[in-house]
């Protein structure tokens, strides 16, 4: 093999390796659409707005929640595409919601049958003293509740 052939193969191998390394964070964060039955979830915009771990939590939880909610409403396997743009968590100390709760919101778009519509799900967080010590677990629980509310709205036809 000539030196040129060797260099060309080495350059090709290096570029493939670089592409694989760059793809690992996106795949692990769930930042690309994830098929789950007839469900596709895109969290790219959320990754840009909220970053990790929020985008990863949504990417991990939402496909299964959507599939379950659709199955429970008799729509199992229905093709649904969801794009999540924002997750907005209210203050951890409480807020202006019912009984001093903080409103949390998930904002995105749902595409069903070729029709795309915006969707916003809201839940309320009631602060507990232990949440200040375990803030990441508290935020994960809040995001999980938002995911479930969003999935339920999708299954209801919003």
Protein backbone atom coordinates (compact mmCIF):
# COMPACT_ATOMS: atom_id res chain seq x y z
CA UNK A 1 0.00 0.00 0.00
CA UNK A 2 1.30 3.45 -0.86
CA UNK A 3 1.87 6.13 1.77
CA UNK A 4 -0.96 8.17 0.23
CA UNK A 5 -3.39 5.23 0.61
CA UNK A 6 -2.34 4.75 4.23
CA UNK A 7 -2.77 8.46 5.05
CA UNK A 8 -6.15 8.54 3.34
CA UNK A 9 -7.38 5.51 5.31
CA UNK A 10 -6.06 6.97 8.55
CA UNK A 11 -7.85 10.26 7.85
CA UNK A 12 -11.08 8.41 7.07
CA UNK A 13 -10.81 6.38 10.28
CA UNK A 14 -10.14 9.53 12.29
CA UNK A 15 -13.14 11.33 10.84
CA UNK A 16 -15.43 8.34 11.53
CA UNK A 17 -14.13 8.18 15.10
CA UNK A 18 -14.67 11.92 15.58
CA UNK A 19 -18.24 11.66 14.27
CA UNK A 20 -18.95 8.78 16.64
CA UNK A 21 -17.57 10.71 19.62
CA UNK A 22 -19.66 13.76 18.73
CA UNK A 23 -22.81 11.64 18.42
CA UNK A 24 -22.47 10.08 21.88
CA UNK A 25 -23.66 13.12 23.91
CA UNK A 26 -26.71 13.57 21.68
CA UNK A 27 -27.63 9.91 21.88
CA UNK A 28 -27.11 9.71 25.64
CA UNK A 29 -29.11 12.90 26.25
CA UNK A 30 -31.93 11.69 24.06
CA UNK A 31 -31.67 14.87 22.06
CA UNK A 32 -32.84 13.22 18.85
CA UNK A 33 -36.25 11.83 18.03
CA UNK A 34 -36.80 8.52 19.79
CA UNK A 35 -39.26 6.10 18.22
CA UNK A 36 -41.41 4.26 20.79
CA UNK A 37 -44.15 2.41 18.96
CA UNK A 38 -45.84 5.11 16.90
CA UNK A 39 -44.33 7.87 19.06
CA UNK A 40 -41.46 10.18 18.14
CA UNK A 41 -40.06 12.74 20.61
CA UNK A 42 -37.66 15.56 19.70
CA UNK A 43 -35.96 17.41 22.55
CA UNK A 44 -33.36 19.33 20.49
CA UNK A 45 -34.96 22.73 21.26
CA UNK A 46 -35.23 21.81 24.95
CA UNK A 47 -31.59 20.80 25.04
CA UNK A 48 -30.68 24.26 23.74
CA UNK A 49 -32.97 26.08 26.19
CA UNK A 50 -32.69 24.01 29.38
CA UNK A 51 -29.69 21.78 28.82
CA UNK A 52 -29.01 18.67 30.79
CA UNK A 53 -30.25 16.92 32.83
CA UNK A 54 -33.73 18.28 31.97
CA UNK A 55 -33.62 17.36 28.25
CA UNK A 56 -32.35 13.88 29.09
CA UNK A 57 -35.12 13.33 31.65
CA UNK A 58 -37.79 14.35 29.14
CA UNK A 59 -36.24 12.20 26.39
CA UNK A 60 -36.13 9.24 28.76
CA UNK A 61 -39.64 9.60 30.22
CA UNK A 62 -41.87 11.06 27.50
CA UNK A 63 -41.89 8.29 24.84
CA UNK A 64 -43.07 5.68 27.34
CA UNK A 65 -45.56 8.04 28.96
CA UNK A 66 -47.04 8.92 25.56
CA UNK A 67 -47.27 5.28 24.50
CA UNK A 68 -48.96 4.36 27.81
CA UNK A 69 -51.40 7.28 27.69
CA UNK A 70 -52.31 6.52 24.08
CA UNK A 71 -52.79 2.82 24.88
CA UNK A 72 -54.96 3.63 27.90
CA UNK A 73 -57.20 5.78 25.70
CA UNK A 74 -57.53 3.09 23.02
CA UNK A 75 -55.10 4.74 20.61
CA UNK A 76 -52.16 2.32 20.92
CA UNK A 77 -49.75 2.56 18.01
CA UNK A 78 -51.21 5.84 16.76
CA UNK A 79 -48.46 7.86 15.05
CA UNK A 80 -47.65 10.93 17.13
CA UNK A 81 -44.68 13.28 16.87
CA UNK A 82 -43.85 15.62 19.73
CA UNK A 83 -41.32 18.43 19.93
CA UNK A 84 -40.57 19.86 23.36
CA UNK A 85 -39.32 23.44 23.35
CA UNK A 86 -39.36 24.48 27.01
CA UNK A 87 -39.64 23.11 30.52
CA UNK A 88 -40.18 25.93 32.97
CA UNK A 89 -39.97 25.08 36.66
CA UNK A 90 -41.33 27.63 39.13
CA UNK A 91 -39.44 28.66 42.28
CA UNK A 92 -38.44 25.86 44.66
CA UNK A 93 -39.64 27.98 47.58
CA UNK A 94 -43.25 28.11 46.44
CA UNK A 95 -45.09 30.60 44.35
CA UNK A 96 -48.35 32.14 43.25
CA UNK A 97 -50.26 28.95 42.45
CA UNK A 98 -52.95 27.30 44.56
CA UNK A 99 -51.99 27.12 48.26
CA UNK A 100 -48.61 28.76 47.59
CA UNK A 101 -47.52 26.25 44.95
CA UNK A 102 -45.19 26.94 42.05
CA UNK A 103 -46.54 26.41 38.54
CA UNK A 104 -44.37 24.22 36.29
CA UNK A 105 -44.89 24.14 32.52
CA UNK A 106 -43.89 22.02 29.53
CA UNK A 107 -44.33 23.71 26.16
CA UNK A 108 -44.10 22.08 22.76
CA UNK A 109 -45.89 20.92 19.64
CA UNK A 110 -47.80 17.76 18.80
CA UNK A 111 -48.26 16.43 15.27
CA UNK A 112 -51.03 13.90 14.62
CA UNK A 113 -52.53 13.05 11.27
CA UNK A 114 -50.43 15.73 9.57
CA UNK A 115 -51.81 18.47 11.83
CA UNK A 116 -49.40 20.29 14.16
CA UNK A 117 -50.71 22.12 17.20
CA UNK A 118 -49.01 23.79 20.16
CA UNK A 119 -49.49 22.20 23.57
CA UNK A 120 -48.72 23.48 27.05
CA UNK A 121 -49.06 21.30 30.13
CA UNK A 122 -49.04 22.77 33.63
CA UNK A 123 -48.56 21.09 36.99
CA UNK A 124 -48.12 22.58 40.45
CA UNK A 125 -45.22 21.97 42.81
CA UNK A 126 -45.84 22.15 46.55
CA UNK A 127 -42.48 22.69 48.30
CA UNK A 128 -41.36 20.30 51.00
CA UNK A 129 -38.44 20.88 53.41
CA UNK A 130 -36.48 17.83 52.17
CA UNK A 131 -36.61 19.16 48.60
CA UNK A 132 -34.03 21.83 49.44
CA UNK A 133 -31.52 19.10 50.31
CA UNK A 134 -32.36 16.86 47.36
CA UNK A 135 -32.92 19.50 44.67
CA UNK A 136 -32.00 17.30 41.69
CA UNK A 137 -34.37 14.53 42.79
CA UNK A 138 -37.07 17.13 43.41
CA UNK A 139 -36.59 18.60 39.93
CA UNK A 140 -36.66 15.14 38.36
CA UNK A 141 -39.97 14.43 40.09
CA UNK A 142 -41.35 17.76 38.86
CA UNK A 143 -40.28 17.03 35.27
CA UNK A 144 -41.79 13.53 35.51
CA UNK A 145 -45.13 15.02 36.57
CA UNK A 146 -44.99 17.44 33.65
CA UNK A 147 -44.21 14.59 31.26
CA UNK A 148 -47.24 12.65 32.50
CA UNK A 149 -49.52 15.70 32.23
CA UNK A 150 -48.27 16.42 28.71
CA UNK A 151 -48.80 12.79 27.66
CA UNK A 152 -52.32 12.78 29.13
CA UNK A 153 -53.22 15.93 27.17
CA UNK A 154 -51.90 14.38 23.95
CA UNK A 155 -54.01 11.24 24.53
CA UNK A 156 -57.11 13.38 25.18
CA UNK A 157 -56.62 15.18 21.88
CA UNK A 158 -55.87 18.45 23.69
